[in-house]
């Protein structure tokens, strides 16, 4: 064997030995992380039995559990979503008047469980993040978590109708960069000394923007600082106290940046951040804030999702807050599915059907979607008549077809003949509580329907779909306040009209409600289309 061959063979043997030594170590590390994550999940499930919108005992537990892959009872996700819906309705869609990190946190939790934050009880929870000035009001935390939340699901920033400055991602990036301190770190107050917690969070937000030279330079400077700040035992201190939360935020930042937690810059005396965090976990799966301080729920939530981030990195899964792989975890289309079992989506039977007289109509999409499913039809193949009125019998037929309800043969009204084309539709709409008679014995099938009557009927249909239609007096007043003629709405119809406006079933862009005007065919189509969209029946 030549000298060169012996050298090559020696290198190969050394490489083989290295693989044999590191592979079991890596496997052992994953095993420790996996066990620690399972213990943390068990602790949180036993401690946070009713997660809701709150900074402790709420979203961070939900996010950590959802991203951990640990087994969680179905009711846990459903109960959380139901709690969010209740809070969103009670607050009219604005979770906090000043601190928009409340929205960012909830957006992250909803994204983690595969729910849609742009439509929670009819509200777009992303909307406040479109107001740049309000989002950054609370300091650097605002833009940091706005970016993390927006990027978690690749969401577009909504146009905020009243914002003095419309937010963009680049504005948020610039705001974070402008808050960087001379030493390379960040702090909540924007003054020295910098804090590893906040520095870690800033890096998590900036991770997706490192192709920008200014961001890359800021990240490199911050990483150099964090390497210097790391304690001899692998952890971090905030002020003078070593604590779990500081270590978590730096660990999550490294994962966001794709940097191994075993990177030599972040290993001190042979101890990595992961090693440090594992020693902060108590026997029951909780975490202590500082050594000897006992467990706290806030620390336990952060310690848990920090370990989840590290385990996901070890398993080559997406980053903790990169949720493109999040699976829908809710029952049905929201909280526990309260939809009536007799409802069924209508199948598309006439794809592409349209009518010349709706070519430029604003409700064209709704009309075509319903026509394709046989829910509505035209007077002829050439005429839909969008601005014609609709009779009570026609309305009953449209609602029954739209909801996929079985037709009822029983006929309670004397003015609807048993052999009439509308008899089964009227019977069914009445049996399911969608329509009432004009009197106990008559239905008036040829009569027209006013806008407030239509709203009441659609609200009853919405209740069948499992939507919550009951509103507080304040919510009713808020929903109807923008309309100049809202006082003319019948007392019996106010809640229904308010519900339809809140849910976007009625278009709120006009100045008037016009409750007594006969409703048009195009308006009925739009209302039903919006309802079926929200009920996941299209």
Protein backbone atom coordinates (compact mmCIF):
# COMPACT_ATOMS: atom_id res chain seq x y z
CA UNK A 1 0.00 0.00 0.00
CA UNK A 2 1.42 3.38 -1.00
CA UNK A 3 1.85 6.25 1.42
CA UNK A 4 -0.98 8.12 -0.34
CA UNK A 5 -3.35 5.15 -0.09
CA UNK A 6 -2.51 4.67 3.59
CA UNK A 7 -3.34 8.34 4.17
CA UNK A 8 -6.69 8.03 2.34
CA UNK A 9 -7.50 4.84 4.26
CA UNK A 10 -6.68 6.59 7.52
CA UNK A 11 -9.03 9.43 6.68
CA UNK A 12 -11.81 7.01 5.80
CA UNK A 13 -11.37 5.13 9.07
CA UNK A 14 -11.39 8.37 11.02
CA UNK A 15 -14.57 9.46 9.26
CA UNK A 16 -16.21 6.11 9.94
CA UNK A 17 -15.27 6.31 13.60
CA UNK A 18 -16.63 9.84 13.82
CA UNK A 19 -19.96 8.75 12.34
CA UNK A 20 -20.14 5.80 14.73
CA UNK A 21 -19.46 8.06 17.70
CA UNK A 22 -21.76 10.97 16.73
CA UNK A 23 -24.74 8.97 15.45
CA UNK A 24 -25.51 7.33 18.82
CA UNK A 25 -24.94 10.69 20.55
CA UNK A 26 -27.36 12.41 18.20
CA UNK A 27 -29.91 9.63 18.68
CA UNK A 28 -29.49 9.87 22.46
CA UNK A 29 -30.00 13.65 22.30
CA UNK A 30 -33.22 13.23 20.28
CA UNK A 31 -34.35 10.61 22.78
CA UNK A 32 -33.81 13.01 25.70
CA UNK A 33 -35.61 15.81 23.89
CA UNK A 34 -38.50 13.56 22.98
CA UNK A 35 -38.94 12.39 26.56
CA UNK A 36 -38.70 15.96 27.87
CA UNK A 37 -41.29 17.19 25.35
CA UNK A 38 -43.71 14.41 26.33
CA UNK A 39 -43.26 15.26 30.01
CA UNK A 40 -43.83 18.95 29.33
CA UNK A 41 -46.97 18.22 27.32
CA UNK A 42 -48.40 16.08 30.11
CA UNK A 43 -47.75 18.85 32.65
CA UNK A 44 -49.42 21.52 30.52
CA UNK A 45 -52.45 19.38 29.70
CA UNK A 46 -52.98 18.74 33.41
CA UNK A 47 -52.40 22.38 34.35
CA UNK A 48 -54.06 24.35 31.53
CA UNK A 49 -57.36 22.50 31.32
CA UNK A 50 -59.31 25.34 29.69
CA UNK A 51 -57.06 27.38 27.34
CA UNK A 52 -58.40 30.78 26.36
CA UNK A 53 -57.15 34.12 25.07
CA UNK A 54 -54.51 34.96 27.64
CA UNK A 55 -50.74 35.42 27.75
CA UNK A 56 -50.33 32.69 30.38
CA UNK A 57 -52.45 29.56 30.24
CA UNK A 58 -53.61 30.26 26.70
CA UNK A 59 -51.96 30.62 23.33
CA UNK A 60 -48.43 29.56 24.24
CA UNK A 61 -49.71 26.25 25.58
CA UNK A 62 -51.83 25.75 22.45
CA UNK A 63 -48.94 26.63 20.11
CA UNK A 64 -46.48 24.36 21.90
CA UNK A 65 -48.85 21.40 22.03
CA UNK A 66 -49.94 21.80 18.42
CA UNK A 67 -46.37 21.97 17.14
CA UNK A 68 -45.13 19.15 19.39
CA UNK A 69 -47.14 16.40 17.72
CA UNK A 70 -48.03 15.03 21.17
CA UNK A 71 -51.43 13.40 21.61
CA UNK A 72 -54.00 15.97 22.70
CA UNK A 73 -57.75 15.35 23.27
CA UNK A 74 -59.94 16.68 20.46
CA UNK A 75 -62.00 18.74 22.88
CA UNK A 76 -58.88 20.75 23.78
CA UNK A 77 -58.63 22.35 20.34
CA UNK A 78 -62.39 22.76 20.00
CA UNK A 79 -62.76 24.35 23.44
CA UNK A 80 -59.95 26.80 22.73
CA UNK A 81 -61.48 27.84 19.41
CA UNK A 82 -64.90 28.27 21.03
CA UNK A 83 -63.31 30.46 23.71
CA UNK A 84 -61.63 32.57 21.03
CA UNK A 85 -64.92 33.00 19.18
CA UNK A 86 -66.64 34.15 22.37
CA UNK A 87 -63.93 36.68 23.14
CA UNK A 88 -63.79 37.95 19.58
CA UNK A 89 -67.55 38.54 19.52
CA UNK A 90 -67.52 40.18 22.94
CA UNK A 91 -64.73 42.55 21.90
CA UNK A 92 -66.17 43.27 18.44
CA UNK A 93 -63.04 41.83 16.88
CA UNK A 94 -60.50 44.06 18.66
CA UNK A 95 -58.80 42.02 21.39
CA UNK A 96 -57.00 44.97 22.99
CA UNK A 97 -57.38 48.68 22.36
CA UNK A 98 -53.62 49.35 22.40
CA UNK A 99 -51.56 46.14 22.57
CA UNK A 100 -51.84 44.44 19.20
CA UNK A 101 -49.50 41.64 20.29
CA UNK A 102 -52.76 40.12 21.57
CA UNK A 103 -53.76 39.64 17.94
CA UNK A 104 -50.34 38.34 16.92
CA UNK A 105 -50.38 35.71 19.65
CA UNK A 106 -53.89 34.49 18.77
CA UNK A 107 -53.03 34.42 15.05
CA UNK A 108 -50.09 32.13 15.84
CA UNK A 109 -52.26 29.79 17.91
CA UNK A 110 -55.01 29.61 15.30
CA UNK A 111 -52.49 28.98 12.54
CA UNK A 112 -50.89 26.22 14.62
CA UNK A 113 -54.21 24.37 14.88
CA UNK A 114 -55.04 24.85 11.21
CA UNK A 115 -57.78 27.43 11.79
CA UNK A 116 -58.33 30.55 9.71
CA UNK A 117 -57.50 33.77 11.60
CA UNK A 118 -59.01 35.87 8.82
CA UNK A 119 -62.52 34.67 9.66
CA UNK A 120 -63.23 34.10 13.33
CA UNK A 121 -66.90 34.73 14.05
CA UNK A 122 -66.85 36.92 10.95
CA UNK A 123 -63.83 38.99 12.04
CA UNK A 124 -60.42 39.22 10.38
CA UNK A 125 -57.96 39.10 13.27
CA UNK A 126 -55.16 40.17 10.93
CA UNK A 127 -56.81 43.54 10.29
CA UNK A 128 -55.33 45.43 13.29
CA UNK A 129 -51.83 44.50 12.10
CA UNK A 130 -52.50 46.63 9.03
CA UNK A 131 -52.26 49.72 11.26
CA UNK A 132 -48.51 50.35 11.53
CA UNK A 133 -48.60 53.17 14.08
CA UNK A 134 -50.88 51.31 16.45
CA UNK A 135 -48.93 48.05 16.14
CA UNK A 136 -45.60 49.69 17.03
CA UNK A 137 -47.13 51.80 19.83
CA UNK A 138 -46.09 49.30 22.52
CA UNK A 139 -42.46 49.26 21.41
CA UNK A 140 -40.35 46.76 19.50
CA UNK A 141 -42.47 43.85 20.72
CA UNK A 142 -45.25 45.03 18.40
CA UNK A 143 -43.45 44.75 15.05
CA UNK A 144 -41.54 41.65 16.17
CA UNK A 145 -44.63 39.60 16.86
CA UNK A 146 -46.60 41.12 13.99
CA UNK A 147 -43.95 39.83 11.56
CA UNK A 148 -43.75 36.42 13.23
CA UNK A 149 -47.54 36.06 13.12
CA UNK A 150 -47.89 37.24 9.53
CA UNK A 151 -45.10 34.98 8.32
CA UNK A 152 -46.39 31.93 10.22
CA UNK A 153 -49.04 31.40 7.57
CA UNK A 154 -47.67 33.57 4.76
CA UNK A 155 -50.57 35.99 5.30
CA UNK A 156 -51.12 39.16 3.33
CA UNK A 157 -51.34 42.29 5.47
CA UNK A 158 -54.92 43.59 5.22
CA UNK A 159 -55.54 47.16 4.15
CA UNK A 160 -56.62 48.98 7.29
CA UNK A 161 -59.38 51.48 6.44
CA UNK A 162 -58.54 54.03 9.17
CA UNK A 163 -54.77 53.62 9.62
CA UNK A 164 -52.68 56.76 9.38
CA UNK A 165 -49.86 54.55 8.08
CA UNK A 166 -50.69 51.34 6.24
CA UNK A 167 -48.36 48.63 7.48
CA UNK A 168 -46.06 46.65 5.21
CA UNK A 169 -43.60 43.92 6.07
CA UNK A 170 -40.74 46.22 5.09
CA UNK A 171 -41.93 48.90 7.48
CA UNK A 172 -41.95 46.36 10.30
CA UNK A 173 -38.48 45.12 9.36
CA UNK A 174 -37.16 48.70 9.32
CA UNK A 175 -38.75 49.43 12.69
CA UNK A 176 -37.00 46.43 14.24
CA UNK A 177 -33.66 47.40 12.69
CA UNK A 178 -34.05 50.98 13.89
CA UNK A 179 -34.47 49.68 17.45
CA UNK A 180 -31.20 47.72 17.44
CA UNK A 181 -28.81 49.00 20.11
CA UNK A 182 -25.12 49.80 19.43
CA UNK A 183 -23.96 46.52 21.01
CA UNK A 184 -26.08 44.56 18.50
CA UNK A 185 -28.96 43.59 20.79
CA UNK A 186 -32.45 44.82 21.57
CA UNK A 187 -34.37 45.70 24.73
CA UNK A 188 -38.05 46.34 25.45
CA UNK A 189 -37.43 49.92 26.48
CA UNK A 190 -35.16 50.64 23.54
CA UNK A 191 -32.25 51.60 25.79
CA UNK A 192 -29.11 49.83 26.96
CA UNK A 193 -28.43 47.31 28.26
CA UNK A 194 -29.70 44.93 25.61
CA UNK A 195 -31.59 41.85 26.74
CA UNK A 196 -31.06 38.31 25.36
CA UNK A 197 -34.82 37.59 25.53
CA UNK A 198 -35.75 40.51 23.29
CA UNK A 199 -32.69 40.01 21.10
CA UNK A 200 -33.73 36.42 20.53
CA UNK A 201 -37.27 37.48 19.62
CA UNK A 202 -35.99 40.12 17.19
CA UNK A 203 -33.85 37.49 15.45
CA UNK A 204 -36.87 35.20 15.17
CA UNK A 205 -38.76 37.96 13.36
CA UNK A 206 -35.85 38.91 11.08
CA UNK A 207 -34.91 35.35 10.13
CA UNK A 208 -36.99 35.37 6.93
CA UNK A 209 -35.42 38.62 5.70
CA UNK A 210 -31.69 37.79 5.79
CA UNK A 211 -31.38 38.18 2.02
CA UNK A 212 -31.47 41.93 2.72
CA UNK A 213 -27.95 43.15 3.42
CA UNK A 214 -29.03 45.41 6.29
CA UNK A 215 -30.84 42.54 7.98
CA UNK A 216 -27.94 40.17 7.47
CA UNK A 217 -25.53 42.64 9.05
CA UNK A 218 -27.89 43.19 12.01
CA UNK A 219 -28.31 39.43 12.53
CA UNK A 220 -24.55 38.80 12.43
CA UNK A 221 -23.92 41.56 14.96
CA UNK A 222 -26.63 40.19 17.27
CA UNK A 223 -25.30 36.63 17.03
CA UNK A 224 -21.81 37.80 17.98
CA UNK A 225 -23.28 39.56 21.01
CA UNK A 226 -25.31 36.51 22.08
CA UNK A 227 -22.25 34.31 21.79
CA UNK A 228 -20.40 36.66 24.17
CA UNK A 229 -23.35 36.93 26.55
CA UNK A 230 -23.81 33.17 26.98
CA UNK A 231 -23.04 31.94 30.48
CA UNK A 232 -20.46 29.31 31.31
CA UNK A 233 -23.21 26.70 31.89
CA UNK A 234 -24.76 27.31 28.43
CA UNK A 235 -27.64 29.49 29.64
CA UNK A 236 -28.39 33.21 29.62
CA UNK A 237 -29.09 35.89 32.17
CA UNK A 238 -31.49 38.80 32.13
CA UNK A 239 -30.12 41.46 34.42
CA UNK A 240 -28.02 39.48 36.85
CA UNK A 241 -30.18 36.35 37.06
CA UNK A 242 -29.74 33.29 34.89
CA UNK A 243 -33.21 32.18 33.81
CA UNK A 244 -35.01 29.72 31.59
CA UNK A 245 -36.92 32.25 29.47
CA UNK A 246 -33.78 33.99 28.21
CA UNK A 247 -32.29 30.67 27.13
CA UNK A 248 -35.53 29.71 25.39
CA UNK A 249 -35.71 32.84 23.25
CA UNK A 250 -32.09 32.51 22.12
CA UNK A 251 -32.58 28.79 21.38
CA UNK A 252 -35.71 29.49 19.32
CA UNK A 253 -33.81 32.23 17.47
CA UNK A 254 -31.05 29.79 16.52
CA UNK A 255 -33.67 27.36 15.23
CA UNK A 256 -35.34 30.15 13.23
CA UNK A 257 -31.99 31.00 11.64
CA UNK A 258 -31.21 27.35 10.89
CA UNK A 259 -28.23 27.35 13.26
CA UNK A 260 -27.60 24.14 15.17
CA UNK A 261 -27.95 24.39 18.92
CA UNK A 262 -24.60 22.58 19.00
CA UNK A 263 -22.90 25.35 17.00
CA UNK A 264 -19.52 26.03 18.63
CA UNK A 265 -20.37 29.71 19.09
CA UNK A 266 -23.17 28.68 21.46
CA UNK A 267 -21.50 25.89 23.42
CA UNK A 268 -19.67 26.84 26.60
CA UNK A 269 -17.61 24.31 28.55
CA UNK A 270 -19.19 21.55 26.51
CA UNK A 271 -22.75 22.67 27.39
CA UNK A 272 -25.21 23.80 24.74
CA UNK A 273 -28.46 25.70 25.09
CA UNK A 274 -30.35 22.43 24.82
CA UNK A 275 -28.30 20.96 27.65
CA UNK A 276 -29.07 23.99 29.78
CA UNK A 277 -32.79 23.91 29.04
CA UNK A 278 -33.06 20.20 29.85
CA UNK A 279 -31.59 20.85 33.30
CA UNK A 280 -34.24 23.55 33.90
CA UNK A 281 -37.06 21.00 33.66
CA UNK A 282 -38.51 19.60 36.87
CA UNK A 283 -39.45 15.95 37.36
CA UNK A 284 -43.15 16.68 36.72
CA UNK A 285 -42.41 18.22 33.28
CA UNK A 286 -42.64 21.84 34.44
CA UNK A 287 -39.78 24.36 34.29
CA UNK A 288 -38.30 26.69 36.88
CA UNK A 289 -37.64 30.36 36.20
CA UNK A 290 -34.33 30.44 38.08
CA UNK A 291 -32.53 27.66 39.90
CA UNK A 292 -34.30 26.86 43.18
CA UNK A 293 -37.32 29.07 42.42
CA UNK A 294 -39.82 26.30 41.73
CA UNK A 295 -41.98 26.02 38.63
CA UNK A 296 -44.10 28.79 37.10
CA UNK A 297 -46.68 28.33 34.35
CA UNK A 298 -45.24 31.09 32.17
CA UNK A 299 -41.78 29.56 32.37
CA UNK A 300 -43.16 26.07 31.78
CA UNK A 301 -44.94 27.19 28.61
CA UNK A 302 -41.80 28.83 27.25
CA UNK A 303 -39.51 25.98 28.29
CA UNK A 304 -41.85 23.53 26.61
CA UNK A 305 -42.08 25.28 23.26
CA UNK A 306 -38.32 25.88 23.35
CA UNK A 307 -37.75 22.14 23.58
CA UNK A 308 -40.32 21.63 20.83
CA UNK A 309 -38.37 24.01 18.57
CA UNK A 310 -35.15 22.11 19.28
CA UNK A 311 -36.77 18.72 18.70
CA UNK A 312 -38.32 19.89 15.43
CA UNK A 313 -34.88 21.02 14.29
CA UNK A 314 -33.35 17.67 15.22
CA UNK A 315 -36.12 15.87 13.33
CA UNK A 316 -35.64 18.14 10.28
CA UNK A 317 -39.16 19.53 10.54
CA UNK A 318 -40.18 23.09 9.76
CA UNK A 319 -39.36 25.80 12.28
CA UNK A 320 -41.67 26.27 15.27
CA UNK A 321 -43.38 29.34 13.75
CA UNK A 322 -43.16 28.26 10.10
CA UNK A 323 -46.56 26.60 10.01
CA UNK A 324 -47.07 25.63 6.39
CA UNK A 325 -47.25 22.03 7.62
CA UNK A 326 -49.90 22.70 10.27
CA UNK A 327 -52.82 20.28 10.02
CA UNK A 328 -56.45 21.21 10.75
CA UNK A 329 -57.07 20.06 14.32
CA UNK A 330 -60.63 21.30 14.83
CA UNK A 331 -63.81 19.29 14.60
CA UNK A 332 -65.82 20.31 11.53
CA UNK A 333 -65.14 23.87 10.40
CA UNK A 334 -64.70 25.54 13.76
CA UNK A 335 -65.49 24.62 17.32
CA UNK A 336 -67.49 21.48 18.07
CA UNK A 337 -69.68 21.08 15.00
CA UNK A 338 -73.19 22.25 15.90
CA UNK A 339 -74.52 22.02 12.34
CA UNK A 340 -77.92 20.34 11.94
CA UNK A 341 -77.33 16.78 10.66
CA UNK A 342 -79.86 17.20 7.84
CA UNK A 343 -77.81 19.90 6.11
CA UNK A 344 -75.80 18.86 3.05
CA UNK A 345 -73.73 20.81 0.49
CA UNK A 346 -75.36 21.08 -2.93
CA UNK A 347 -73.36 19.44 -5.71
CA UNK A 348 -72.26 21.34 -8.81
CA UNK A 349 -74.55 20.16 -11.59
CA UNK A 350 -74.19 22.94 -14.18
CA UNK A 351 -70.58 24.18 -14.13
CA UNK A 352 -69.99 27.44 -15.97
CA UNK A 353 -73.63 28.49 -16.15
CA UNK A 354 -74.18 32.25 -16.38
CA UNK A 355 -76.66 34.84 -17.67
CA UNK A 356 -76.04 37.81 -19.97
CA UNK A 357 -77.79 40.24 -17.62
CA UNK A 358 -75.32 39.63 -14.77
CA UNK A 359 -72.16 40.10 -16.88
CA UNK A 360 -71.14 43.28 -15.04
CA UNK A 361 -73.16 42.79 -11.88
CA UNK A 362 -71.33 43.05 -8.50
CA UNK A 363 -73.11 39.90 -7.28
CA UNK A 364 -72.16 37.85 -10.33
CA UNK A 365 -69.87 35.47 -8.41
CA UNK A 366 -72.60 34.60 -5.92
CA UNK A 367 -75.28 34.15 -8.59
CA UNK A 368 -73.08 31.90 -10.74
CA UNK A 369 -71.96 29.80 -7.78
CA UNK A 370 -75.56 29.15 -6.74
CA UNK A 371 -76.77 28.61 -10.30
CA UNK A 372 -74.03 26.04 -10.89
CA UNK A 373 -75.49 24.03 -8.01
CA UNK A 374 -79.13 24.41 -9.06
CA UNK A 375 -79.90 26.54 -6.02
CA UNK A 376 -81.11 29.51 -8.06
CA UNK A 377 -82.22 29.68 -11.66
CA UNK A 378 -83.05 32.29 -14.25
CA UNK A 379 -86.39 33.26 -15.69
CA UNK A 380 -84.90 32.01 -18.98
CA UNK A 381 -81.45 30.85 -20.01
CA UNK A 382 -80.76 34.45 -21.05
CA UNK A 383 -82.21 36.32 -18.09
CA UNK A 384 -81.62 35.99 -14.38
CA UNK A 385 -83.35 39.22 -13.41
CA UNK A 386 -80.95 40.30 -10.65
CA UNK A 387 -82.94 43.42 -9.81
CA UNK A 388 -86.34 41.73 -9.73
CA UNK A 389 -87.95 40.88 -6.41
CA UNK A 390 -88.37 37.37 -5.05
CA UNK A 391 -91.58 35.83 -3.76
CA UNK A 392 -91.88 34.08 -0.43
CA UNK A 393 -92.33 30.74 -2.18
CA UNK A 394 -89.23 31.29 -4.30
CA UNK A 395 -87.27 32.24 -1.21
CA UNK A 396 -88.33 29.05 0.59
CA UNK A 397 -87.22 26.98 -2.41
CA UNK A 398 -83.82 28.71 -2.63
CA UNK A 399 -83.11 28.23 1.08
CA UNK A 400 -84.10 24.55 1.12
CA UNK A 401 -82.00 23.79 -1.98
CA UNK A 402 -79.08 25.83 -0.67
CA UNK A 403 -78.98 23.99 2.66
CA UNK A 404 -79.57 20.58 1.10
CA UNK A 405 -82.56 19.93 3.36
CA UNK A 406 -84.93 17.02 2.71
CA UNK A 407 -88.29 18.16 1.40
CA UNK A 408 -91.33 17.79 3.67
CA UNK A 409 -94.67 16.62 2.36
CA UNK A 410 -96.69 17.93 5.30
CA UNK A 411 -98.30 21.26 4.40
CA UNK A 412 -99.52 23.49 7.26
CA UNK A 413 -100.87 26.37 5.16
CA UNK A 414 -104.28 26.55 3.49
CA UNK A 415 -103.08 28.86 0.69
CA UNK A 416 -100.36 26.43 -0.51
CA UNK A 417 -101.94 23.62 -2.52
CA UNK A 418 -100.51 20.16 -1.94
CA UNK A 419 -99.79 19.80 -5.67
CA UNK A 420 -98.15 23.24 -6.01
CA UNK A 421 -94.53 23.36 -7.24
CA UNK A 422 -93.55 25.08 -3.98
CA UNK A 423 -95.46 22.90 -1.50
CA UNK A 424 -92.56 20.67 -0.48
CA UNK A 425 -90.17 23.64 -0.26
CA UNK A 426 -92.54 25.69 1.90
CA UNK A 427 -93.27 22.66 4.07
CA UNK A 428 -89.57 21.98 4.59
CA UNK A 429 -88.58 25.62 5.23
CA UNK A 430 -91.36 25.85 7.80
CA UNK A 431 -90.56 22.51 9.43
CA UNK A 432 -86.92 23.54 9.99
CA UNK A 433 -87.95 26.90 11.41
CA UNK A 434 -86.59 29.07 8.58
CA UNK A 435 -89.90 30.65 7.53
CA UNK A 436 -93.15 31.39 9.33
CA UNK A 437 -96.61 31.99 7.91
CA UNK A 438 -98.24 35.38 7.55
CA UNK A 439 -100.86 33.94 9.89
CA UNK A 440 -101.18 30.58 11.58
CA UNK A 441 -103.05 29.24 8.52
CA UNK A 442 -101.66 31.21 5.56
CA UNK A 443 -98.23 31.61 3.98
CA UNK A 444 -98.82 34.16 1.19
CA UNK A 445 -96.55 32.33 -1.32
CA UNK A 446 -96.78 35.09 -3.96
CA UNK A 447 -95.97 37.92 -1.54
CA UNK A 448 -92.63 39.68 -1.61
CA UNK A 449 -90.02 39.67 1.18
CA UNK A 450 -88.57 42.77 2.75
CA UNK A 451 -84.91 43.10 3.62
CA UNK A 452 -85.56 42.77 7.34
CA UNK A 453 -87.72 39.69 6.81
CA UNK A 454 -84.98 38.12 4.68
CA UNK A 455 -82.40 38.88 7.39
CA UNK A 456 -84.55 37.15 10.01
CA UNK A 457 -84.97 34.08 7.83
CA UNK A 458 -81.29 33.90 6.93
CA UNK A 459 -80.36 34.24 10.62
CA UNK A 460 -82.60 31.25 11.41
CA UNK A 461 -80.86 29.30 8.66
CA UNK A 462 -77.50 30.36 10.10
CA UNK A 463 -78.49 28.86 13.45
CA UNK A 464 -79.16 25.56 11.67
CA UNK A 465 -75.65 25.85 10.23
CA UNK A 466 -74.19 25.99 13.75
CA UNK A 467 -73.39 29.71 13.71
CA UNK A 468 -73.98 31.72 16.87
CA UNK A 469 -76.70 34.24 16.03
CA UNK A 470 -77.45 35.67 19.48
CA UNK A 471 -75.93 39.11 20.13
CA UNK A 472 -75.74 41.40 23.12
CA UNK A 473 -77.58 44.72 23.07
CA UNK A 474 -74.23 46.50 22.71
CA UNK A 475 -73.21 44.34 19.77
CA UNK A 476 -76.53 45.04 18.06
CA UNK A 477 -76.10 48.78 18.57
CA UNK A 478 -72.52 48.68 17.29
CA UNK A 479 -73.45 46.73 14.17
CA UNK A 480 -76.34 49.00 13.22
CA UNK A 481 -74.94 52.37 14.34
CA UNK A 482 -73.39 53.30 10.94
CA UNK A 483 -76.75 53.32 9.15
CA UNK A 484 -78.80 56.50 9.00
CA UNK A 485 -82.16 54.70 8.98
CA UNK A 486 -81.40 51.95 11.51
CA UNK A 487 -84.10 53.21 13.88
CA UNK A 488 -86.71 52.14 11.33
CA UNK A 489 -85.82 48.45 11.68
CA UNK A 490 -88.56 46.49 13.41
CA UNK A 491 -87.73 45.59 16.99
CA UNK A 492 -88.17 41.91 16.15
CA UNK A 493 -85.62 42.13 13.29
CA UNK A 494 -82.83 44.20 14.85
CA UNK A 495 -80.79 41.28 16.15
CA UNK A 496 -81.08 39.39 12.85
CA UNK A 497 -80.05 42.40 10.79
CA UNK A 498 -77.15 43.12 13.14
CA UNK A 499 -76.03 39.48 12.86
CA UNK A 500 -76.12 39.59 9.05
CA UNK A 501 -74.06 42.78 8.96
CA UNK A 502 -71.52 41.51 11.52
CA UNK A 503 -71.02 38.27 9.59
CA UNK A 504 -70.73 40.02 6.22
CA UNK A 505 -73.89 38.32 4.99
CA UNK A 506 -75.31 41.76 4.24
CA UNK A 507 -73.10 44.34 2.56
CA UNK A 508 -72.36 47.15 5.01
CA UNK A 509 -70.89 49.58 2.46
CA UNK A 510 -74.16 51.47 1.98
CA UNK A 511 -75.52 54.31 4.08
CA UNK A 512 -78.98 52.83 4.57
CA UNK A 513 -80.47 49.56 5.81
CA UNK A 514 -83.78 50.01 3.94
CA UNK A 515 -85.45 47.39 6.14
CA UNK A 516 -88.89 47.71 4.53
CA UNK A 517 -87.80 47.63 0.90
CA UNK A 518 -88.58 44.38 -0.96
CA UNK A 519 -85.33 42.46 -1.30
CA UNK A 520 -83.93 41.79 -4.77
CA UNK A 521 -82.97 38.44 -6.28
CA UNK A 522 -79.31 39.47 -6.47
CA UNK A 523 -79.35 40.40 -2.77
CA UNK A 524 -80.85 37.06 -1.80
CA UNK A 525 -78.21 35.27 -3.86
CA UNK A 526 -75.42 37.24 -2.20
CA UNK A 527 -76.79 36.63 1.30
CA UNK A 528 -77.17 32.90 0.77
CA UNK A 529 -73.76 32.64 -0.87
CA UNK A 530 -72.09 34.36 2.09
CA UNK A 531 -73.96 32.15 4.56
CA UNK A 532 -73.01 28.93 2.76
CA UNK A 533 -69.37 30.07 2.57
CA UNK A 534 -69.26 30.64 6.34
CA UNK A 535 -70.99 27.33 7.03
CA UNK A 536 -68.61 25.42 4.72
CA UNK A 537 -71.55 24.31 2.56
CA UNK A 538 -70.13 25.41 -0.80
